[in-house]
N, C-alpha and C. Protein backbone atom coordinates (compact mmCIF):
# COMPACT_ATOMS: atom_id res chain seq x y z
N MET A 1 88.35 90.48 25.90
CA MET A 1 88.34 91.88 25.52
C MET A 1 89.32 92.07 24.36
N PRO A 2 88.89 92.65 23.25
CA PRO A 2 89.81 92.93 22.15
C PRO A 2 90.85 93.97 22.56
N SER A 3 92.02 93.87 21.99
CA SER A 3 93.11 94.80 22.30
C SER A 3 93.62 95.48 21.05
N LEU A 4 94.11 96.70 21.24
CA LEU A 4 94.71 97.47 20.17
C LEU A 4 96.08 97.92 20.65
N LEU A 5 97.12 97.57 19.91
CA LEU A 5 98.48 97.98 20.27
C LEU A 5 98.86 99.22 19.47
N ILE A 6 99.28 100.25 20.20
CA ILE A 6 99.78 101.48 19.57
C ILE A 6 101.24 101.61 19.98
N PHE A 7 102.13 101.56 19.01
CA PHE A 7 103.56 101.71 19.28
C PHE A 7 103.97 103.09 18.81
N THR A 8 104.44 103.93 19.72
CA THR A 8 104.72 105.32 19.38
C THR A 8 105.93 105.85 20.15
N ALA A 9 106.56 106.84 19.58
CA ALA A 9 107.63 107.56 20.27
C ALA A 9 107.21 109.01 20.51
N TYR A 10 105.94 109.29 20.26
CA TYR A 10 105.42 110.65 20.38
C TYR A 10 104.46 110.76 21.56
N ALA A 11 104.45 111.91 22.20
CA ALA A 11 103.57 112.15 23.35
C ALA A 11 102.16 112.49 22.90
N GLU A 12 102.02 113.10 21.73
CA GLU A 12 100.71 113.51 21.26
C GLU A 12 100.13 112.49 20.30
N LEU A 13 99.09 111.84 20.73
CA LEU A 13 98.38 110.90 19.88
C LEU A 13 97.03 111.53 19.55
N TYR A 14 96.87 111.92 18.31
CA TYR A 14 95.71 112.68 17.85
C TYR A 14 94.40 111.98 18.22
N GLN A 15 93.58 112.64 18.99
CA GLN A 15 92.25 112.21 19.41
C GLN A 15 92.22 110.86 20.11
N ILE A 16 93.27 110.51 20.80
CA ILE A 16 93.31 109.20 21.47
C ILE A 16 92.27 109.11 22.58
N GLU A 17 92.07 110.19 23.32
CA GLU A 17 91.08 110.14 24.40
C GLU A 17 89.67 109.93 23.86
N GLU A 18 89.37 110.50 22.73
CA GLU A 18 88.06 110.29 22.12
C GLU A 18 87.86 108.82 21.75
N LEU A 19 88.91 108.20 21.22
CA LEU A 19 88.83 106.77 20.90
C LEU A 19 88.67 105.92 22.15
N ILE A 20 89.45 106.24 23.18
CA ILE A 20 89.40 105.46 24.42
C ILE A 20 88.02 105.51 25.04
N THR A 21 87.41 106.69 25.06
CA THR A 21 86.09 106.80 25.67
C THR A 21 84.99 106.25 24.77
N ALA A 22 85.18 106.32 23.45
CA ALA A 22 84.18 105.80 22.52
C ALA A 22 84.20 104.28 22.44
N LEU A 23 85.35 103.67 22.79
CA LEU A 23 85.49 102.22 22.69
C LEU A 23 85.90 101.62 24.04
N PRO A 24 85.01 101.68 25.03
CA PRO A 24 85.38 101.18 26.37
C PRO A 24 85.58 99.66 26.42
N MET A 25 85.10 98.94 25.39
CA MET A 25 85.25 97.49 25.36
C MET A 25 86.56 97.05 24.72
N VAL A 26 87.39 98.01 24.30
CA VAL A 26 88.69 97.72 23.69
C VAL A 26 89.80 98.13 24.65
N ARG A 27 90.75 97.23 24.86
CA ARG A 27 91.92 97.56 25.69
C ARG A 27 92.97 98.20 24.80
N PHE A 28 93.42 99.39 25.18
CA PHE A 28 94.45 100.12 24.45
C PHE A 28 95.79 99.86 25.12
N GLU A 29 96.66 99.18 24.40
CA GLU A 29 98.01 98.91 24.86
C GLU A 29 98.92 99.91 24.15
N ILE A 30 99.46 100.87 24.90
CA ILE A 30 100.32 101.90 24.32
C ILE A 30 101.75 101.58 24.71
N ALA A 31 102.58 101.33 23.70
CA ALA A 31 103.98 100.97 23.93
C ALA A 31 104.89 102.03 23.32
N ALA A 32 106.02 102.27 24.00
CA ALA A 32 106.98 103.27 23.52
C ALA A 32 108.39 102.76 23.75
N PRO A 33 109.32 103.14 22.85
CA PRO A 33 110.71 102.72 23.03
C PRO A 33 111.45 103.60 24.03
N VAL A 34 110.75 104.56 24.62
CA VAL A 34 111.33 105.52 25.56
C VAL A 34 110.42 105.60 26.79
N TYR A 35 110.85 106.35 27.80
CA TYR A 35 109.96 106.63 28.92
C TYR A 35 108.87 107.56 28.43
N VAL A 36 107.63 107.28 28.78
CA VAL A 36 106.52 108.07 28.27
C VAL A 36 106.35 109.36 29.05
N SER A 37 105.73 110.33 28.41
CA SER A 37 105.53 111.65 29.00
C SER A 37 104.39 111.61 30.01
N PHE A 38 104.32 112.67 30.80
CA PHE A 38 103.22 112.82 31.75
C PHE A 38 101.89 112.83 31.02
N GLN A 39 101.87 113.42 29.85
CA GLN A 39 100.65 113.49 29.04
C GLN A 39 100.10 112.09 28.74
N LEU A 40 100.96 111.17 28.35
CA LEU A 40 100.51 109.80 28.09
C LEU A 40 100.18 109.06 29.39
N LYS A 41 100.93 109.31 30.43
CA LYS A 41 100.66 108.64 31.71
C LYS A 41 99.28 109.00 32.26
N GLN A 42 98.78 110.18 31.92
CA GLN A 42 97.45 110.58 32.37
C GLN A 42 96.37 109.67 31.81
N LEU A 43 96.64 109.02 30.69
CA LEU A 43 95.66 108.11 30.10
C LEU A 43 95.42 106.88 30.97
N LEU A 44 96.32 106.62 31.92
CA LEU A 44 96.14 105.48 32.82
C LEU A 44 94.91 105.64 33.72
N GLY A 45 94.33 106.82 33.72
CA GLY A 45 93.09 107.04 34.47
C GLY A 45 91.90 106.30 33.86
N TYR A 46 92.04 105.86 32.63
CA TYR A 46 90.99 105.07 31.98
C TYR A 46 91.23 103.60 32.27
N PRO A 47 90.19 102.86 32.61
CA PRO A 47 90.38 101.44 32.97
C PRO A 47 90.80 100.55 31.80
N ASN A 48 90.63 101.00 30.57
CA ASN A 48 90.96 100.18 29.41
C ASN A 48 92.28 100.59 28.75
N VAL A 49 93.16 101.25 29.51
CA VAL A 49 94.45 101.69 28.97
C VAL A 49 95.58 101.07 29.76
N ARG A 50 96.58 100.56 29.05
CA ARG A 50 97.81 100.04 29.64
C ARG A 50 98.97 100.75 28.95
N ILE A 51 100.01 101.11 29.70
CA ILE A 51 101.18 101.78 29.16
C ILE A 51 102.39 100.87 29.35
N HIS A 52 103.17 100.72 28.31
CA HIS A 52 104.41 99.93 28.35
C HIS A 52 105.54 100.84 27.88
N GLN A 53 106.47 101.17 28.77
CA GLN A 53 107.56 102.06 28.38
C GLN A 53 108.86 101.30 28.20
N VAL A 54 109.75 101.89 27.46
CA VAL A 54 111.06 101.36 27.15
C VAL A 54 110.96 99.95 26.57
N VAL A 55 110.06 99.81 25.60
CA VAL A 55 109.87 98.55 24.89
C VAL A 55 110.78 98.57 23.67
N LEU A 56 111.56 97.53 23.51
CA LEU A 56 112.45 97.44 22.35
C LEU A 56 111.69 96.79 21.20
N SER A 57 111.82 97.37 20.03
CA SER A 57 111.11 96.79 18.88
C SER A 57 111.97 95.76 18.18
């Protein structure tokens, strides 16, 4: 399965849910240097999303 890494410190990722649903064959790895917000944690409801918090760059 191809993967896409998104490294962000922001809770709002413009149209991310549309991308996640349009590309179910792509694993979205979302990494943040901080604890992620509830808004981003809700994306874990999609089977192709992984969240990594407090990742040091």
